[in-house]
Amino acid sequence: MEIQPFLADIERRAKAGEVDAALATCAGVVLGLYRVRDGKRGELLEYAPDFPNEMACGAVTALRKTLSTLKGQFDPGLTAATLPSALRDAASEWSAKLESCWRRPV
């Protein structure tokens, strides 16, 4: 599962001032990973069940880190300690983990 191009796209869009597009792309990545979270028997995800959740966290972290470098150039509501609803709604079962990644981008 190749996720790096999507992370790069999230960062590119945010840096270009297309914050809504970056957020939408991130939400799409999170939703896509959420949908494949239950790997079928014999699939790779059967052996790495935390992979989708960890990669979703990586997407959220990438967005948050990029936005934090753009101080004052975007909606200040996105810098709040609360995960944007678009991301929370994309993967409700993962909201606590995603919230943690949003608050403390590494």
PDB file of N, CA and C in Angstrom:
ATOM      1  N   MET A   1       0.856  -1.169   0.000  1.00  0.00           N
ATOM      2  CA  MET A   1       0.000   0.000   0.000  1.00  0.00           C
ATOM      3  C   MET A   1       0.903   1.233   0.000  1.00  0.00           C
ATOM      4  N   GLU A   2       0.824   2.000  -1.036  1.00  0.00           N
ATOM      5  CA  GLU A   2       1.686   3.164  -1.208  1.00  0.00           C
ATOM      6  C   GLU A   2       0.939   4.410  -0.752  1.00  0.00           C
ATOM      7  N   ILE A   3       1.373   4.988   0.350  1.00  0.00           N
ATOM      8  CA  ILE A   3       0.698   6.157   0.904  1.00  0.00           C
ATOM      9  C   ILE A   3       1.526   7.435   0.759  1.00  0.00           C
ATOM     10  N   GLN A   4       2.813   7.306   0.548  1.00  0.00           N
ATOM     11  CA  GLN A   4       3.701   8.467   0.483  1.00  0.00           C
ATOM     12  C   GLN A   4       3.266   9.523  -0.541  1.00  0.00           C
ATOM     13  N   PRO A   5       2.810   9.139  -1.741  1.00  0.00           N
ATOM     14  CA  PRO A   5       2.367  10.183  -2.679  1.00  0.00           C
ATOM     15  C   PRO A   5       1.191  11.009  -2.138  1.00  0.00           C
ATOM     16  N   PHE A   6       0.330  10.378  -1.361  1.00  0.00           N
ATOM     17  CA  PHE A   6      -0.800  11.108  -0.783  1.00  0.00           C
ATOM     18  C   PHE A   6      -0.333  12.068   0.306  1.00  0.00           C
ATOM     19  N   LEU A   7       0.636  11.635   1.106  1.00  0.00           N
ATOM     20  CA  LEU A   7       1.188  12.521   2.134  1.00  0.00           C
ATOM     21  C   LEU A   7       1.866  13.725   1.490  1.00  0.00           C
ATOM     22  N   ALA A   8       2.597  13.471   0.424  1.00  0.00           N
ATOM     23  CA  ALA A   8       3.251  14.566  -0.296  1.00  0.00           C
ATOM     24  C   ALA A   8       2.209  15.524  -0.884  1.00  0.00           C
ATOM     25  N   ASP A   9       1.099  14.984  -1.363  1.00  0.00           N
ATOM     26  CA  ASP A   9       0.041  15.814  -1.926  1.00  0.00           C
ATOM     27  C   ASP A   9      -0.614  16.670  -0.845  1.00  0.00           C
ATOM     28  N   ILE A  10      -0.826  16.096   0.320  1.00  0.00           N
ATOM     29  CA  ILE A  10      -1.388  16.857   1.451  1.00  0.00           C
ATOM     30  C   ILE A  10      -0.475  18.031   1.776  1.00  0.00           C
ATOM     31  N   GLU A  11       0.807  17.761   1.890  1.00  0.00           N
ATOM     32  CA  GLU A  11       1.773  18.818   2.206  1.00  0.00           C
ATOM     33  C   GLU A  11       1.839  19.872   1.103  1.00  0.00           C
ATOM     34  N   ARG A  12       1.857  19.433  -0.140  1.00  0.00           N
ATOM     35  CA  ARG A  12       1.935  20.357  -1.278  1.00  0.00           C
ATOM     36  C   ARG A  12       0.734  21.289  -1.306  1.00  0.00           C
ATOM     37  N   ARG A  13      -0.451  20.720  -1.131  1.00  0.00           N
ATOM     38  CA  ARG A  13      -1.668  21.532  -1.156  1.00  0.00           C
ATOM     39  C   ARG A  13      -1.687  22.538  -0.011  1.00  0.00           C
ATOM     40  N   ALA A  14      -1.318  22.092   1.181  1.00  0.00           N
ATOM     41  CA  ALA A  14      -1.311  23.001   2.340  1.00  0.00           C
ATOM     42  C   ALA A  14      -0.323  24.143   2.125  1.00  0.00           C
ATOM     43  N   LYS A  15       0.877  23.823   1.652  1.00  0.00           N
ATOM     44  CA  LYS A  15       1.895  24.858   1.419  1.00  0.00           C
ATOM     45  C   LYS A  15       1.474  25.834   0.332  1.00  0.00           C
ATOM     46  N   ALA A  16       0.644  25.372  -0.606  1.00  0.00           N
ATOM     47  CA  ALA A  16       0.166  26.240  -1.684  1.00  0.00           C
ATOM     48  C   ALA A  16      -1.024  27.093  -1.240  1.00  0.00           C
ATOM     49  N   GLY A  17      -1.412  26.966   0.022  1.00  0.00           N
ATOM     50  CA  GLY A  17      -2.541  27.742   0.539  1.00  0.00           C
ATOM     51  C   GLY A  17      -3.884  27.091   0.287  1.00  0.00           C
ATOM     52  N   GLU A  18      -3.898  25.894  -0.251  1.00  0.00           N
ATOM     53  CA  GLU A  18      -5.132  25.152  -0.514  1.00  0.00           C
ATOM     54  C   GLU A  18      -5.453  24.270   0.693  1.00  0.00           C
ATOM     55  N   VAL A  19      -5.697  24.910   1.816  1.00  0.00           N
ATOM     56  CA  VAL A  19      -5.876  24.190   3.072  1.00  0.00           C
ATOM     57  C   VAL A  19      -7.113  23.300   3.041  1.00  0.00           C
ATOM     58  N   ASP A  20      -8.198  23.786   2.455  1.00  0.00           N
ATOM     59  CA  ASP A  20      -9.403  22.956   2.374  1.00  0.00           C
ATOM     60  C   ASP A  20      -9.144  21.700   1.538  1.00  0.00           C
ATOM     61  N   ALA A  21      -8.393  21.841   0.460  1.00  0.00           N
ATOM     62  CA  ALA A  21      -8.064  20.690  -0.382  1.00  0.00           C
ATOM     63  C   ALA A  21      -7.136  19.728   0.353  1.00  0.00           C
ATOM     64  N   ALA A  22      -6.199  20.270   1.112  1.00  0.00           N
ATOM     65  CA  ALA A  22      -5.297  19.423   1.897  1.00  0.00           C
ATOM     66  C   ALA A  22      -6.085  18.649   2.950  1.00  0.00           C
ATOM     67  N   LEU A  23      -7.009  19.322   3.602  1.00  0.00           N
ATOM     68  CA  LEU A  23      -7.846  18.672   4.608  1.00  0.00           C
ATOM     69  C   LEU A  23      -8.720  17.597   3.970  1.00  0.00           C
ATOM     70  N   ALA A  24      -9.299  17.896   2.812  1.00  0.00           N
ATOM     71  CA  ALA A  24     -10.135  16.918   2.106  1.00  0.00           C
ATOM     72  C   ALA A  24      -9.318  15.701   1.664  1.00  0.00           C
ATOM     73  N   THR A  25      -8.100  15.945   1.190  1.00  0.00           N
ATOM     74  CA  THR A  25      -7.232  14.842   0.787  1.00  0.00           C
ATOM     75  C   THR A  25      -6.877  13.976   1.990  1.00  0.00           C
ATOM     76  N   CYS A  26      -6.557  14.616   3.085  1.00  0.00           N
ATOM     77  CA  CYS A  26      -6.236  13.891   4.309  1.00  0.00           C
ATOM     78  C   CYS A  26      -7.434  13.065   4.775  1.00  0.00           C
ATOM     79  N   ALA A  27      -8.620  13.656   4.742  1.00  0.00           N
ATOM     80  CA  ALA A  27      -9.830  12.933   5.137  1.00  0.00           C
ATOM     81  C   ALA A  27     -10.071  11.741   4.214  1.00  0.00           C
ATOM     82  N   GLY A  28      -9.782  11.902   2.928  1.00  0.00           N
ATOM     83  CA  GLY A  28      -9.934  10.803   1.979  1.00  0.00           C
ATOM     84  C   GLY A  28      -8.968   9.670   2.270  1.00  0.00           C
ATOM     85  N   VAL A  29      -7.735  10.012   2.617  1.00  0.00           N
ATOM     86  CA  VAL A  29      -6.739   8.999   2.980  1.00  0.00           C
ATOM     87  C   VAL A  29      -7.192   8.253   4.235  1.00  0.00           C
ATOM     88  N   VAL A  30      -7.619   9.009   5.244  1.00  0.00           N
ATOM     89  CA  VAL A  30      -8.080   8.392   6.494  1.00  0.00           C
ATOM     90  C   VAL A  30      -9.277   7.473   6.222  1.00  0.00           C
ATOM     91  N   LEU A  31     -10.231   7.941   5.442  1.00  0.00           N
ATOM     92  CA  LEU A  31     -11.407   7.135   5.127  1.00  0.00           C
ATOM     93  C   LEU A  31     -11.025   5.868   4.357  1.00  0.00           C
ATOM     94  N   GLY A  32     -10.153   5.993   3.376  1.00  0.00           N
ATOM     95  CA  GLY A  32      -9.722   4.832   2.607  1.00  0.00           C
ATOM     96  C   GLY A  32      -9.037   3.796   3.483  1.00  0.00           C
ATOM     97  N   LEU A  33      -8.167   4.246   4.366  1.00  0.00           N
ATOM     98  CA  LEU A  33      -7.489   3.327   5.283  1.00  0.00           C
ATOM     99  C   LEU A  33      -8.473   2.707   6.271  1.00  0.00           C
ATOM    100  N   TYR A  34      -9.433   3.501   6.704  1.00  0.00           N
ATOM    101  CA  TYR A  34     -10.452   3.000   7.632  1.00  0.00           C
ATOM    102  C   TYR A  34     -11.272   1.881   6.982  1.00  0.00           C
ATOM    103  N   ARG A  35     -11.559   2.037   5.717  1.00  0.00           N
ATOM    104  CA  ARG A  35     -12.357   1.030   5.004  1.00  0.00           C
ATOM    105  C   ARG A  35     -11.620  -0.285   4.800  1.00  0.00           C
ATOM    106  N   VAL A  36     -10.300  -0.259   4.757  1.00  0.00           N
ATOM    107  CA  VAL A  36      -9.546  -1.504   4.556  1.00  0.00           C
ATOM    108  C   VAL A  36      -8.984  -2.057   5.868  1.00  0.00           C
ATOM    109  N   ARG A  37      -9.402  -1.500   6.989  1.00  0.00           N
ATOM    110  CA  ARG A  37      -8.829  -1.876   8.286  1.00  0.00           C
ATOM    111  C   ARG A  37      -9.001  -3.340   8.652  1.00  0.00           C
ATOM    112  N   ASP A  38     -10.039  -3.965   8.171  1.00  0.00           N
ATOM    113  CA  ASP A  38     -10.284  -5.367   8.486  1.00  0.00           C
ATOM    114  C   ASP A  38      -9.831  -6.227   7.320  1.00  0.00           C
ATOM    115  N   GLY A  39      -8.530  -6.549   7.314  1.00  0.00           N
ATOM    116  CA  GLY A  39      -7.965  -7.353   6.235  1.00  0.00           C
ATOM    117  C   GLY A  39      -8.620  -8.720   6.150  1.00  0.00           C
ATOM    118  N   LYS A  40      -8.835  -9.171   4.948  1.00  0.00           N
ATOM    119  CA  LYS A  40      -9.417 -10.494   4.728  1.00  0.00           C
ATOM    120  C   LYS A  40      -8.351 -11.558   4.960  1.00  0.00           C
ATOM    121  N   ARG A  41      -8.780 -12.731   5.223  1.00  0.00           N
ATOM    122  CA  ARG A  41      -7.863 -13.849   5.471  1.00  0.00           C
ATOM    123  C   ARG A  41      -6.879 -13.991   4.304  1.00  0.00           C
ATOM    124  N   GLY A  42      -5.604 -14.095   4.639  1.00  0.00           N
ATOM    125  CA  GLY A  42      -4.572 -14.269   3.624  1.00  0.00           C
ATOM    126  C   GLY A  42      -4.024 -12.972   3.069  1.00  0.00           C
ATOM    127  N   GLU A  43      -4.598 -11.839   3.434  1.00  0.00           N
ATOM    128  CA  GLU A  43      -4.096 -10.561   2.953  1.00  0.00           C
ATOM    129  C   GLU A  43      -3.024 -10.022   3.901  1.00  0.00           C
ATOM    130  N   LEU A  44      -2.231  -9.103   3.410  1.00  0.00           N
ATOM    131  CA  LEU A  44      -1.165  -8.513   4.199  1.00  0.00           C
ATOM    132  C   LEU A  44      -1.685  -7.911   5.501  1.00  0.00           C
ATOM    133  N   LEU A  45      -2.845  -7.272   5.457  1.00  0.00           N
ATOM    134  CA  LEU A  45      -3.370  -6.618   6.653  1.00  0.00           C
ATOM    135  C   LEU A  45      -3.693  -7.604   7.763  1.00  0.00           C
ATOM    136  N   GLU A  46      -3.848  -8.856   7.416  1.00  0.00           N
ATOM    137  CA  GLU A  46      -4.060  -9.876   8.444  1.00  0.00           C
ATOM    138  C   GLU A  46      -2.821  -9.959   9.344  1.00  0.00           C
ATOM    139  N   TYR A  47      -1.656  -9.698   8.777  1.00  0.00           N
ATOM    140  CA  TYR A  47      -0.397  -9.789   9.503  1.00  0.00           C
ATOM    141  C   TYR A  47       0.051  -8.457  10.096  1.00  0.00           C
ATOM    142  N   ALA A  48      -0.530  -7.390   9.649  1.00  0.00           N
ATOM    143  CA  ALA A  48      -0.198  -6.054  10.150  1.00  0.00           C
ATOM    144  C   ALA A  48      -1.494  -5.290  10.406  1.00  0.00           C
ATOM    145  N   PRO A  49      -2.278  -5.715  11.393  1.00  0.00           N
ATOM    146  CA  PRO A  49      -3.602  -5.126  11.591  1.00  0.00           C
ATOM    147  C   PRO A  49      -3.593  -3.654  11.993  1.00  0.00           C
ATOM    148  N   ASP A  50      -2.490  -3.168  12.551  1.00  0.00           N
ATOM    149  CA  ASP A  50      -2.420  -1.762  12.961  1.00  0.00           C
ATOM    150  C   ASP A  50      -1.957  -0.827  11.846  1.00  0.00           C
ATOM    151  N   PHE A  51      -1.579  -1.389  10.700  1.00  0.00           N
ATOM    152  CA  PHE A  51      -1.045  -0.583   9.612  1.00  0.00           C
ATOM    153  C   PHE A  51      -2.007   0.534   9.173  1.00  0.00           C
ATOM    154  N   PRO A  52      -3.278   0.246   8.903  1.00  0.00           N
ATOM    155  CA  PRO A  52      -4.168   1.330   8.452  1.00  0.00           C
ATOM    156  C   PRO A  52      -4.282   2.459   9.476  1.00  0.00           C
ATOM    157  N   ASN A  53      -4.418   2.108  10.744  1.00  0.00           N
ATOM    158  CA  ASN A  53      -4.549   3.106  11.800  1.00  0.00           C
ATOM    159  C   ASN A  53      -3.277   3.944  11.902  1.00  0.00           C
ATOM    160  N   GLU A  54      -2.118   3.300  11.854  1.00  0.00           N
ATOM    161  CA  GLU A  54      -0.858   4.020  11.953  1.00  0.00           C
ATOM    162  C   GLU A  54      -0.640   4.945  10.755  1.00  0.00           C
ATOM    163  N   MET A  55      -0.991   4.489   9.567  1.00  0.00           N
ATOM    164  CA  MET A  55      -0.830   5.320   8.372  1.00  0.00           C
ATOM    165  C   MET A  55      -1.818   6.482   8.380  1.00  0.00           C
ATOM    166  N   ALA A  56      -3.022   6.264   8.896  1.00  0.00           N
ATOM    167  CA  ALA A  56      -3.989   7.358   9.026  1.00  0.00           C
ATOM    168  C   ALA A  56      -3.438   8.411   9.983  1.00  0.00           C
ATOM    169  N   CYS A  57      -2.841   7.954  11.049  1.00  0.00           N
ATOM    170  CA  CYS A  57      -2.215   8.872  11.997  1.00  0.00           C
ATOM    171  C   CYS A  57      -1.079   9.634  11.316  1.00  0.00           C
ATOM    172  N   GLY A  58      -0.347   8.956  10.455  1.00  0.00           N
ATOM    173  CA  GLY A  58       0.724   9.612   9.706  1.00  0.00           C
ATOM    174  C   GLY A  58       0.203  10.706   8.793  1.00  0.00           C
ATOM    175  N   ALA A  59      -0.947  10.474   8.172  1.00  0.00           N
ATOM    176  CA  ALA A  59      -1.552  11.483   7.296  1.00  0.00           C
ATOM    177  C   ALA A  59      -1.994  12.698   8.102  1.00  0.00           C
ATOM    178  N   VAL A  60      -2.617  12.447   9.246  1.00  0.00           N
ATOM    179  CA  VAL A  60      -3.065  13.542  10.117  1.00  0.00           C
ATOM    180  C   VAL A  60      -1.858  14.337  10.621  1.00  0.00           C
ATOM    181  N   THR A  61      -0.814  13.631  10.995  1.00  0.00           N
ATOM    182  CA  THR A  61       0.400  14.287  11.475  1.00  0.00           C
ATOM    183  C   THR A  61       1.042  15.135  10.376  1.00  0.00           C
ATOM    184  N   ALA A  62       1.078  14.603   9.163  1.00  0.00           N
ATOM    185  CA  ALA A  62       1.651  15.351   8.038  1.00  0.00           C
ATOM    186  C   ALA A  62       0.890  16.655   7.807  1.00  0.00           C
ATOM    187  N   LEU A  63      -0.429  16.584   7.844  1.00  0.00           N
ATOM    188  CA  LEU A  63      -1.241  17.797   7.663  1.00  0.00           C
ATOM    189  C   LEU A  63      -0.976  18.789   8.783  1.00  0.00           C
ATOM    190  N   ARG A  64      -1.013  18.318  10.003  1.00  0.00           N
ATOM    191  CA  ARG A  64      -0.842  19.201  11.165  1.00  0.00           C
ATOM    192  C   ARG A  64       0.539  19.850  11.168  1.00  0.00           C
ATOM    193  N   LYS A  65       1.574  19.067  10.888  1.00  0.00           N
ATOM    194  CA  LYS A  65       2.934  19.614  10.864  1.00  0.00           C
ATOM    195  C   LYS A  65       3.079  20.672   9.780  1.00  0.00           C
ATOM    196  N   THR A  66       2.515  20.410   8.617  1.00  0.00           N
ATOM    197  CA  THR A  66       2.625  21.381   7.526  1.00  0.00           C
ATOM    198  C   THR A  66       1.873  22.651   7.875  1.00  0.00           C
ATOM    199  N   LEU A  67       0.682  22.511   8.424  1.00  0.00           N
ATOM    200  CA  LEU A  67      -0.090  23.699   8.800  1.00  0.00           C
ATOM    201  C   LEU A  67       0.615  24.508   9.876  1.00  0.00           C
ATOM    202  N   SER A  68       1.294  23.834  10.780  1.00  0.00           N
ATOM    203  CA  SER A  68       1.975  24.559  11.858  1.00  0.00           C
ATOM    204  C   SER A  68       3.133  25.406  11.332  1.00  0.00           C
ATOM    205  N   THR A  69       3.650  25.084  10.157  1.00  0.00           N
ATOM    206  CA  THR A  69       4.731  25.889   9.573  1.00  0.00           C
ATOM    207  C   THR A  69       4.205  27.113   8.826  1.00  0.00           C
ATOM    208  N   LEU A  70       2.899  27.160   8.612  1.00  0.00           N
ATOM    209  CA  LEU A  70       2.297  28.248   7.835  1.00  0.00           C
ATOM    210  C   LEU A  70       1.656  29.302   8.716  1.00  0.00           C
ATOM    211  N   LYS A  71       2.107  29.472   9.897  1.00  0.00           N
ATOM    212  CA  LYS A  71       1.524  30.364  10.896  1.00  0.00           C
ATOM    213  C   LYS A  71       0.813  31.576  10.291  1.00  0.00           C
ATOM    214  N   GLY A  72      -0.465  31.688  10.622  1.00  0.00           N
ATOM    215  CA  GLY A  72      -1.240  32.843  10.210  1.00  0.00           C
ATOM    216  C   GLY A  72      -1.726  32.847   8.779  1.00  0.00           C
ATOM    217  N   GLN A  73      -1.403  31.841   8.004  1.00  0.00           N
ATOM    218  CA  GLN A  73      -1.785  31.829   6.598  1.00  0.00           C
ATOM    219  C   GLN A  73      -3.016  30.975   6.316  1.00  0.00           C
ATOM    220  N   PHE A  74      -3.671  30.492   7.352  1.00  0.00           N
ATOM    221  CA  PHE A  74      -4.824  29.628   7.154  1.00  0.00           C
ATOM    222  C   PHE A  74      -5.805  29.813   8.291  1.00  0.00           C
ATOM    223  N   ASP A  75      -6.915  29.120   8.212  1.00  0.00           N
ATOM    224  CA  ASP A  75      -7.963  29.205   9.234  1.00  0.00           C
ATOM    225  C   ASP A  75      -7.385  28.832  10.603  1.00  0.00           C
ATOM    226  N   PRO A  76      -7.387  29.759  11.541  1.00  0.00           N
ATOM    227  CA  PRO A  76      -6.802  29.466  12.846  1.00  0.00           C
ATOM    228  C   PRO A  76      -7.524  28.337  13.587  1.00  0.00           C
ATOM    229  N   GLY A  77      -8.736  28.022  13.192  1.00  0.00           N
ATOM    230  CA  GLY A  77      -9.456  26.918  13.814  1.00  0.00           C
ATOM    231  C   GLY A  77      -8.775  25.584  13.601  1.00  0.00           C
ATOM    232  N   LEU A  78      -7.976  25.480  12.540  1.00  0.00           N
ATOM    233  CA  LEU A  78      -7.272  24.227  12.263  1.00  0.00           C
ATOM    234  C   LEU A  78      -6.061  24.031  13.166  1.00  0.00           C
ATOM    235  N   THR A  79      -5.639  25.060  13.855  1.00  0.00           N
ATOM    236  CA  THR A  79      -4.497  24.903  14.745  1.00  0.00           C
ATOM    237  C   THR A  79      -4.947  24.560  16.159  1.00  0.00           C
ATOM    238  N   ALA A  80      -6.235  24.551  16.381  1.00  0.00           N
ATOM    239  CA  ALA A  80      -6.763  24.263  17.711  1.00  0.00           C
ATOM    240  C   ALA A  80      -6.384  22.855  18.139  1.00  0.00           C
ATOM    241  N   ALA A  81      -6.562  22.587  19.402  1.00  0.00           N
ATOM    242  CA  ALA A  81      -6.226  21.272  19.956  1.00  0.00           C
ATOM    243  C   ALA A  81      -7.234  20.203  19.544  1.00  0.00           C
ATOM    244  N   THR A  82      -8.266  20.584  18.822  1.00  0.00           N
ATOM    245  CA  THR A  82      -9.302  19.634  18.434  1.00  0.00           C
ATOM    246  C   THR A  82      -9.147  19.199  16.986  1.00  0.00           C
ATOM    247  N   LEU A  83      -9.219  17.909  16.778  1.00  0.00           N
ATOM    248  CA  LEU A  83      -9.153  17.327  15.441  1.00  0.00           C
ATOM    249  C   LEU A  83     -10.304  17.873  14.594  1.00  0.00           C
ATOM    250  N   PRO A  84     -10.041  18.301  13.350  1.00  0.00           N
ATOM    251  CA  PRO A  84     -11.126  18.779  12.487  1.00  0.00           C
ATOM    252  C   PRO A  84     -12.197  17.701  12.314  1.00  0.00           C
ATOM    253  N   SER A  85     -13.441  18.125  12.281  1.00  0.00           N
ATOM    254  CA  SER A  85     -14.556  17.171  12.206  1.00  0.00           C
ATOM    255  C   SER A  85     -14.495  16.295  10.954  1.00  0.00           C
ATOM    256  N   ALA A  86     -13.963  16.814   9.855  1.00  0.00           N
ATOM    257  CA  ALA A  86     -13.863  16.011   8.631  1.00  0.00           C
ATOM    258  C   ALA A  86     -13.009  14.773   8.861  1.00  0.00           C
ATOM    259  N   LEU A  87     -11.969  14.912   9.666  1.00  0.00           N
ATOM    260  CA  LEU A  87     -11.099  13.775   9.958  1.00  0.00           C
ATOM    261  C   LEU A  87     -11.737  12.848  10.992  1.00  0.00           C
ATOM    262  N   ARG A  88     -12.374  13.427  11.972  1.00  0.00           N
ATOM    263  CA  ARG A  88     -13.061  12.629  12.995  1.00  0.00           C
ATOM    264  C   ARG A  88     -14.188  11.819  12.375  1.00  0.00           C
ATOM    265  N   ASP A  89     -14.926  12.436  11.476  1.00  0.00           N
ATOM    266  CA  ASP A  89     -16.059  11.760  10.843  1.00  0.00           C
ATOM    267  C   ASP A  89     -15.621  10.661   9.879  1.00  0.00           C
ATOM    268  N   ALA A  90     -14.437  10.792   9.300  1.00  0.00           N
ATOM    269  CA  ALA A  90     -13.956   9.804   8.334  1.00  0.00           C
ATOM    270  C   ALA A  90     -13.676   8.457   8.981  1.00  0.00           C
ATOM    271  N   ALA A  91     -13.320   8.467  10.263  1.00  0.00           N
ATOM    272  CA  ALA A  91     -12.969   7.219  10.954  1.00  0.00           C
ATOM    273  C   ALA A  91     -13.332   7.328  12.425  1.00  0.00           C
ATOM    274  N   SER A  92     -14.609   7.233  12.706  1.00  0.00           N
ATOM    275  CA  SER A  92     -15.091   7.472  14.067  1.00  0.00           C
ATOM    276  C   SER A  92     -14.452   6.564  15.111  1.00  0.00           C
ATOM    277  N   GLU A  93     -14.190   5.317  14.778  1.00  0.00           N
ATOM    278  CA  GLU A  93     -13.585   4.391  15.748  1.00  0.00           C
ATOM    279  C   GLU A  93     -12.138   4.770  16.073  1.00  0.00           C
ATOM    280  N   TRP A  94     -11.505   5.508  15.198  1.00  0.00           N
ATOM    281  CA  TRP A  94     -10.112   5.907  15.401  1.00  0.00           C
ATOM    282  C   TRP A  94      -9.990   7.321  15.937  1.00  0.00           C
ATOM    283  N   SER A  95     -11.087   7.972  16.253  1.00  0.00           N
ATOM    284  CA  SER A  95     -11.030   9.399  16.573  1.00  0.00           C
ATOM    285  C   SER A  95     -10.092   9.721  17.738  1.00  0.00           C
ATOM    286  N   ALA A  96     -10.037   8.883  18.770  1.00  0.00           N
ATOM    287  CA  ALA A  96      -9.152   9.161  19.907  1.00  0.00           C
ATOM    288  C   ALA A  96      -7.689   9.132  19.475  1.00  0.00           C
ATOM    289  N   LYS A  97      -7.307   8.140  18.693  1.00  0.00           N
ATOM    290  CA  LYS A  97      -5.916   8.029  18.209  1.00  0.00           C
ATOM    291  C   LYS A  97      -5.583   9.195  17.277  1.00  0.00           C
ATOM    292  N   LEU A  98      -6.500   9.512  16.366  1.00  0.00           N
ATOM    293  CA  LEU A  98      -6.263  10.617  15.436  1.00  0.00           C
ATOM    294  C   LEU A  98      -6.179  11.949  16.175  1.00  0.00           C
ATOM    295  N   GLU A  99      -7.011  12.106  17.186  1.00  0.00           N
ATOM    296  CA  GLU A  99      -6.988  13.319  18.019  1.00  0.00           C
ATOM    297  C   GLU A  99      -5.616  13.471  18.678  1.00  0.00           C
ATOM    298  N   SER A 100      -5.096  12.370  19.175  1.00  0.00           N
ATOM    299  CA  SER A 100      -3.781  12.375  19.808  1.00  0.00           C
ATOM    300  C   SER A 100      -2.702  12.775  18.799  1.00  0.00           C
ATOM    301  N   CYS A 101      -2.784  12.244  17.591  1.00  0.00           N
ATOM    302  CA  CYS A 101      -1.804  12.598  16.549  1.00  0.00           C
ATOM    303  C   CYS A 101      -1.921  14.057  16.156  1.00  0.00           C
ATOM    304  N   TRP A 102      -3.121  14.574  16.134  1.00  0.00           N
ATOM    305  CA  TRP A 102      -3.344  15.987  15.778  1.00  0.00           C
ATOM    306  C   TRP A 102      -2.758  16.917  16.832  1.00  0.00           C
ATOM    307  N   ARG A 103      -2.947  16.552  18.084  1.00  0.00           N
ATOM    308  CA  ARG A 103      -2.464  17.412  19.177  1.00  0.00           C
ATOM    309  C   ARG A 103      -0.968  17.430  19.313  1.00  0.00           C
ATOM    310  N   ARG A 104      -0.348  16.285  19.075  1.00  0.00           N
ATOM    311  CA  ARG A 104       1.096  16.173  19.246  1.00  0.00           C
ATOM    312  C   ARG A 104       1.765  15.665  17.986  1.00  0.00           C
ATOM    313  N   PRO A 105       1.834  16.484  16.946  1.00  0.00           N
ATOM    314  CA  PRO A 105       2.518  16.007  15.741  1.00  0.00           C
ATOM    315  C   PRO A 105       4.002  15.797  16.030  1.00  0.00           C
ATOM    316  N   VAL A 106       4.514  14.693  15.567  1.00  0.00           N
ATOM    317  CA  VAL A 106       5.914  14.359  15.843  1.00  0.00           C
ATOM    318  C   VAL A 106       6.795  14.778  14.694  1.00  0.00           C
TER     319      VAL A 106
END
